[in-house]
Protein backbone atom coordinates (compact mmCIF):
# COMPACT_ATOMS: atom_id res chain seq x y z
CA MET A 1 0.00 0.00 0.00
CA LEU A 2 1.68 3.21 -1.20
CA ILE A 3 -0.63 5.63 0.67
CA LYS A 4 -1.33 4.97 4.34
CA ARG A 5 -4.52 6.64 5.47
CA TYR A 6 -4.37 8.56 8.74
CA PRO A 7 -6.48 6.68 11.32
CA GLY A 8 -8.14 9.94 12.38
CA ASN A 9 -9.64 10.66 8.95
CA PRO A 10 -11.50 12.71 8.03
CA ILE A 11 -9.37 15.50 9.48
CA LEU A 12 -11.75 18.36 8.64
CA GLN A 13 -15.52 18.44 8.24
CA LYS A 14 -18.20 21.09 7.90
CA ASP A 15 -18.88 21.06 11.66
CA ASP A 16 -15.27 22.18 12.25
CA VAL A 17 -15.91 25.42 10.36
CA PRO A 18 -17.15 28.37 12.49
CA TYR A 19 -19.29 29.79 9.69
CA PRO A 20 -22.07 28.01 7.77
CA VAL A 21 -20.86 25.68 4.99
CA ALA A 22 -22.11 22.41 3.53
CA THR A 23 -18.73 20.84 2.68
CA VAL A 24 -14.96 21.01 3.29
CA HIS A 25 -12.79 19.57 0.52
CA ASN A 26 -10.13 19.95 -2.21
CA ALA A 27 -7.54 21.94 -0.26
CA GLY A 28 -4.25 23.44 -1.35
CA MET A 29 -1.47 22.83 1.17
CA VAL A 30 1.84 24.41 2.14
CA LYS A 31 4.20 24.69 5.11
CA HIS A 32 4.76 28.28 6.31
CA ASP A 33 6.64 29.32 9.47
CA ASN A 34 6.64 25.69 10.68
CA LYS A 35 2.87 25.55 10.38
CA TYR A 36 0.76 23.59 7.94
CA ILE A 37 -1.55 25.92 6.03
CA MET A 38 -4.67 24.47 4.43
CA ILE A 39 -6.71 26.55 1.99
CA PHE A 40 -9.87 24.53 1.46
CA ARG A 41 -12.97 24.77 -0.69
CA SER A 42 -16.45 24.82 0.82
CA HIS A 43 -19.90 24.89 -0.72
CA LYS A 44 -22.18 27.48 0.79
CA PHE A 45 -25.85 26.60 1.19
CA ASN A 46 -26.60 28.17 -2.19
CA GLY A 47 -24.25 25.63 -3.82
CA ARG A 48 -21.50 28.11 -4.73
CA SER A 49 -17.97 27.77 -3.40
CA ILE A 50 -15.66 29.90 -1.25
CA LEU A 51 -12.21 29.26 0.21
CA GLY A 52 -11.38 28.88 3.90
CA LYS A 53 -8.14 28.63 5.86
CA ALA A 54 -7.09 26.15 8.54
CA VAL A 55 -3.79 25.89 10.44
CA SER A 56 -2.01 22.95 12.07
CA TYR A 57 1.28 22.34 13.90
CA ASP A 58 1.46 18.63 13.05
CA GLY A 59 -0.29 18.33 9.68
CA PHE A 60 -3.15 16.29 11.12
CA ASN A 61 -5.05 18.47 13.61
CA PHE A 62 -6.33 21.70 12.08
CA VAL A 63 -8.11 24.77 13.43
CA VAL A 64 -10.19 26.83 11.01
CA ASP A 65 -10.08 30.64 10.93
CA LYS A 66 -13.22 32.43 12.06
CA HIS A 67 -13.85 33.96 8.64
CA PRO A 68 -13.44 32.76 5.01
CA PHE A 69 -10.03 33.25 3.41
CA MET A 70 -11.32 34.20 -0.07
CA ILE A 71 -14.78 34.85 -1.44
CA PRO A 72 -15.77 35.87 -4.99
CA SER A 73 -14.31 39.28 -5.75
CA LYS A 74 -16.41 42.42 -5.77
CA GLU A 75 -13.90 44.20 -8.03
CA GLN A 76 -13.49 43.96 -11.79
CA PRO A 77 -12.27 42.16 -13.80
CA PHE A 78 -12.46 39.35 -11.24
CA LYS A 79 -16.06 40.02 -10.20
CA LYS A 80 -17.39 39.15 -13.66
CA TYR A 81 -15.62 35.80 -13.77
CA GLU A 82 -15.97 34.72 -10.11
CA ALA A 83 -19.70 35.31 -9.81
CA TYR A 84 -20.55 31.61 -9.44
CA GLY A 85 -17.80 30.85 -6.93
CA ILE A 86 -14.11 30.04 -6.53
CA GLU A 87 -12.82 26.49 -6.16
CA ASP A 88 -9.95 23.99 -5.84
CA PRO A 89 -6.90 26.08 -4.86
CA ARG A 90 -3.30 25.00 -5.36
CA ILE A 91 -0.38 26.67 -3.55
CA VAL A 92 3.30 26.94 -4.39
CA LYS A 93 6.15 29.01 -2.96
CA ILE A 94 8.45 30.70 -5.45
CA ASP A 95 10.51 33.91 -5.36
CA GLY A 96 9.76 34.38 -1.66
CA GLU A 97 5.97 34.44 -1.93
CA TYR A 98 3.11 32.00 -2.19
CA LEU A 99 1.14 31.71 -5.41
CA ILE A 100 -2.42 30.42 -5.27
CA THR A 101 -4.21 29.25 -8.40
CA TYR A 102 -7.96 28.68 -8.21
CA SER A 103 -10.91 27.96 -10.47
CA ALA A 104 -13.21 30.93 -11.07
CA TYR A 105 -16.75 30.08 -12.18
CA SER A 106 -19.27 32.32 -13.91
CA GLN A 107 -21.82 32.30 -16.72
CA TYR A 108 -18.80 32.51 -19.04
CA GLY A 109 -17.39 29.16 -17.97
CA VAL A 110 -14.44 28.36 -15.71
CA ARG A 111 -11.16 30.29 -15.81
CA ILE A 112 -8.10 30.15 -13.59
CA GLY A 113 -7.35 33.00 -11.22
CA LEU A 114 -3.94 33.70 -9.70
CA ALA A 115 -3.46 35.30 -6.29
CA LYS A 116 -0.41 35.79 -4.10
CA THR A 117 0.43 36.22 -0.44
CA LYS A 118 3.48 36.31 1.83
CA ASP A 119 1.77 35.57 5.15
CA PHE A 120 -1.71 34.09 4.48
CA ASP A 121 -3.18 37.10 6.26
CA HIS A 122 -3.18 39.42 3.24
CA ILE A 123 -4.11 38.18 -0.22
CA GLN A 124 -3.71 39.97 -3.55
CA ARG A 125 -5.31 38.87 -6.80
CA VAL A 126 -2.85 39.07 -9.71
CA ALA A 127 -4.68 38.09 -12.89
CA LEU A 128 -6.99 35.67 -14.64
CA ILE A 129 -4.42 33.53 -16.43
CA THR A 130 -6.53 31.36 -18.77
CA GLU A 131 -9.53 31.59 -21.02
CA ALA A 132 -12.54 29.31 -20.51
CA ASP A 133 -12.65 26.35 -19.99
CA TYR A 134 -9.63 25.46 -17.86
CA ARG A 135 -9.17 23.73 -14.50
CA ASN A 136 -6.44 22.17 -12.36
CA VAL A 137 -3.58 24.63 -12.87
CA VAL A 138 -0.48 23.89 -10.79
CA ILE A 139 2.72 25.97 -10.96
CA PHE A 140 6.17 24.44 -10.56
CA PRO A 141 8.14 25.74 -7.53
CA GLU A 142 11.10 26.86 -9.63
CA LYS A 143 11.76 28.45 -13.03
CA PHE A 144 13.13 26.83 -16.18
CA ASN A 145 15.32 29.05 -18.36
CA ASN A 146 13.96 32.04 -16.40
CA LEU A 147 10.37 31.06 -17.18
CA TYR A 148 7.61 30.00 -14.83
CA ALA A 149 6.03 26.67 -15.78
CA ARG A 150 2.58 25.29 -15.11
CA LEU A 151 0.55 22.16 -15.74
CA ASP A 152 -3.09 22.58 -16.65
CA ARG A 153 -6.10 20.74 -18.02
CA PRO A 154 -8.21 22.47 -20.67
CA HIS A 155 -11.55 21.02 -21.69
CA SER A 156 -11.31 19.84 -25.27
CA GLU A 157 -13.38 17.47 -27.39
CA ILE A 158 -10.37 16.92 -29.68
CA SER A 159 -7.91 16.06 -26.92
CA PRO A 160 -10.26 15.07 -24.11
CA TRP A 161 -9.28 16.25 -20.62
CA SER A 162 -5.52 15.89 -21.02
CA ILE A 163 -2.56 17.53 -19.25
CA TRP A 164 -0.67 20.37 -20.94
CA ILE A 165 2.35 22.44 -19.95
CA SER A 166 2.78 26.20 -20.52
CA TYR A 167 5.42 28.81 -19.69
CA SER A 168 5.42 32.48 -18.68
CA PRO A 169 7.97 35.26 -18.11
CA ASP A 170 5.72 37.15 -15.68
CA LEU A 171 2.95 34.83 -14.43
CA ILE A 172 0.39 36.75 -16.50
CA HIS A 173 1.25 35.98 -20.12
CA TRP A 174 1.45 32.25 -20.86
CA GLY A 175 2.44 30.34 -24.00
CA GLN A 176 4.71 27.70 -25.56
CA SER A 177 1.94 25.25 -24.65
CA GLN A 178 2.36 21.53 -25.27
CA LEU A 179 0.17 18.48 -24.75
CA ILE A 180 2.26 16.11 -22.61
CA MET A 181 -0.05 13.48 -21.11
CA ARG A 182 -3.33 11.82 -22.14
CA PRO A 183 -5.84 9.48 -20.50
CA MET A 184 -5.44 5.84 -21.53
CA GLN A 185 -8.38 3.94 -22.97
CA TYR A 186 -9.97 1.41 -20.63
CA HIS A 187 -7.57 2.23 -17.83
CA TRP A 188 -8.55 3.67 -14.44
CA ASP A 189 -8.06 7.18 -15.85
CA GLU A 190 -9.58 6.69 -19.30
CA MET A 191 -12.19 9.48 -19.15
CA LYS A 192 -10.09 12.44 -17.98
CA ILE A 193 -6.97 13.36 -16.06
CA GLY A 194 -5.78 16.53 -14.36
CA PRO A 195 -2.86 17.80 -12.27
CA GLY A 196 -3.40 17.54 -8.53
CA ALA A 197 -0.77 18.73 -6.06
CA SER A 198 1.98 21.12 -7.10
CA PRO A 199 4.89 19.07 -8.52
CA ILE A 200 7.42 17.76 -6.00
CA LYS A 201 11.14 17.79 -6.83
CA THR A 202 13.01 14.53 -6.31
CA SER A 203 16.49 13.41 -7.35
CA ARG A 204 14.98 11.41 -10.22
CA GLY A 205 12.44 13.89 -11.54
CA TRP A 206 9.39 16.01 -10.75
CA LEU A 207 6.69 13.91 -9.09
CA ASN A 208 3.24 14.81 -10.41
CA ILE A 209 0.34 13.45 -8.36
CA TYR A 210 -2.68 13.62 -10.64
CA HIS A 211 -6.30 12.53 -10.64
CA GLY A 212 -7.90 10.20 -13.14
CA VAL A 213 -11.55 9.45 -13.78
CA PHE A 214 -13.18 6.21 -14.92
CA PRO A 215 -16.84 6.05 -16.03
CA THR A 216 -18.94 3.18 -14.68
CA MET A 217 -22.61 2.18 -14.89
CA ASP A 218 -22.99 3.72 -11.41
CA GLY A 219 -21.26 7.03 -12.18
CA CYS A 220 -17.64 8.16 -12.33
CA VAL A 221 -14.84 7.09 -9.97
CA TYR A 222 -12.04 9.56 -9.15
CA ARG A 223 -8.67 8.02 -8.25
CA LEU A 224 -5.09 9.29 -7.85
CA GLY A 225 -1.98 8.31 -9.77
CA VAL A 226 1.60 9.51 -10.27
CA ALA A 227 3.79 10.58 -13.16
CA LEU A 228 7.45 11.62 -13.30
CA HIS A 229 8.75 14.60 -15.31
CA LYS A 230 12.33 15.34 -16.34
CA LEU A 231 14.10 17.68 -13.91
CA GLU A 232 15.62 20.02 -16.48
CA ASP A 233 12.66 19.90 -18.88
CA PRO A 234 9.31 19.18 -17.24
CA SER A 235 7.61 18.95 -20.63
CA VAL A 236 9.24 15.51 -20.88
CA VAL A 237 7.22 12.89 -19.00
CA ILE A 238 9.67 10.13 -18.07
CA ALA A 239 7.03 7.69 -16.86
CA VAL A 240 3.42 7.34 -15.80
CA GLY A 241 2.52 4.79 -13.15
CA ASP A 242 0.22 2.25 -14.77
CA GLU A 243 -1.85 1.64 -11.62
CA TRP A 244 -3.57 4.05 -9.27
CA ILE A 245 -2.09 4.85 -5.88
CA LEU A 246 -5.34 5.72 -4.09
CA GLN A 247 -9.00 5.01 -4.75
CA PRO A 248 -12.25 5.59 -2.80
CA GLU A 249 -12.55 2.82 -0.21
CA GLU A 250 -13.63 4.37 3.08
CA GLU A 251 -17.23 5.39 3.72
CA TYR A 252 -16.29 9.09 3.75
CA GLU A 253 -14.82 8.71 0.23
CA ILE A 254 -17.58 6.57 -1.22
CA THR A 255 -20.60 8.53 0.01
CA GLY A 256 -20.92 12.29 0.13
CA TYR A 257 -21.67 15.35 -1.97
CA VAL A 258 -20.21 13.52 -5.00
CA HIS A 259 -19.83 9.77 -4.52
CA ASN A 260 -16.62 7.79 -5.12
CA VAL A 261 -14.08 10.61 -5.12
CA VAL A 262 -10.54 11.08 -3.85
CA PHE A 263 -9.24 14.40 -5.21
CA THR A 264 -5.99 16.09 -4.26
CA CYS A 265 -4.92 19.72 -4.54
CA GLY A 266 -1.99 19.53 -2.14
CA ALA A 267 0.87 17.42 -0.79
CA ILE A 268 3.74 18.35 1.52
CA PRO A 269 7.18 16.67 1.30
CA GLU A 270 8.87 16.24 4.66
CA PRO A 271 12.63 16.31 5.47
CA ASP A 272 12.66 12.58 6.25
CA GLY A 273 11.67 11.63 2.70
CA THR A 274 8.01 11.06 3.43
CA LEU A 275 5.03 12.88 2.02
CA LYS A 276 1.77 14.06 3.53
CA LEU A 277 -0.90 13.74 0.87
CA TYR A 278 -4.20 15.58 1.35
CA TRP A 279 -7.40 14.81 -0.51
CA GLY A 280 -11.07 15.64 -0.54
CA GLY A 281 -13.30 12.65 0.18
CA ALA A 282 -16.55 12.51 -1.81
CA ASP A 283 -16.41 16.32 -2.20
CA LYS A 284 -17.44 16.60 1.44
CA VAL A 285 -14.53 16.13 3.88
CA MET A 286 -10.73 16.53 4.03
CA CYS A 287 -8.43 13.55 4.51
CA VAL A 288 -4.70 12.91 4.80
CA GLY A 289 -2.34 10.01 4.29
CA THR A 290 1.40 9.43 4.28
CA ALA A 291 3.73 7.92 1.70
CA VAL A 292 7.43 7.44 1.03
CA ILE A 293 8.47 9.67 -1.87
CA ASP A 294 11.01 7.18 -3.26
CA GLU A 295 8.34 4.49 -3.33
CA LEU A 296 6.07 6.73 -5.42
CA VAL A 297 8.94 7.37 -7.84
CA ASP A 298 9.70 3.64 -7.97
CA HIS A 299 6.03 3.03 -8.75
CA CYS A 300 6.36 5.25 -11.82
CA LEU A 301 9.59 3.70 -13.07
CA SER A 302 8.94 0.01 -12.38
CA ASN A 303 5.29 -0.12 -13.37
CA LEU A 304 5.12 2.38 -16.18
CA ARG A 305 3.17 3.19 -19.31
CA GLN A 306 3.52 5.82 -22.01
CA ALA A 307 2.29 9.36 -21.37
CA LEU A 308 0.88 9.89 -24.88
């Protein structure tokens, strides 16, 4: 078993939030000042999403702030494109500040917003960095040839729900886009895939923990898998693990707001070579598990398939 579930799961539920929400799930994660920072998504009772913040000293026991961390903006141009809610944040530290990407929903579809902070007390929106329809944007924690790099997942009938890479000199203007990874027919991720946690640097490559979706007669199943990207050129996918690393098995993952879902937006590598992986269970609760980073890399390299 590559991912060991924490016995105290779920670690965060709606009753832990001091303001009214229907769910707690799909959280971006980072370590800041020796504290674990969780920026989580919640549905309000009108069905639209906001982002909350929770803090922990051990990565397992979290306390939620008294007020939401981010709500849909009241200022243009963000107001127009966040009117239906903001969702699924990812966090990465680069150049001394934390970048947060999030999905912005409106009548115009879903775009990706970018915000930044240095302390998680003050947040500044930077730009809307995609057109519609995009989701699952994660930024690498270092530059390549002086360019920022990101993984994303546009919606496309021609190249269904596949992972692309793009580059930017300034975090606002993005280009040099390439398709680098597709779903595989009649595999656990045959319907769609998307980046999950921000990529993790290892000695053998960038570890990309992604989600994959499989359609069944009883609805879709969301699972997690891993891929490995070349250190110097992350557009090169060295290997994709052929089998999933986590699937819905516990009651809190099988039954909820959306059944049969494990969905990650954040993972934290630890100094001892382990990883804390965080995921939303059934779009309702937050969960955590631990893994050995080298074992996840081995899983890619010893049990691999082609990316395209």
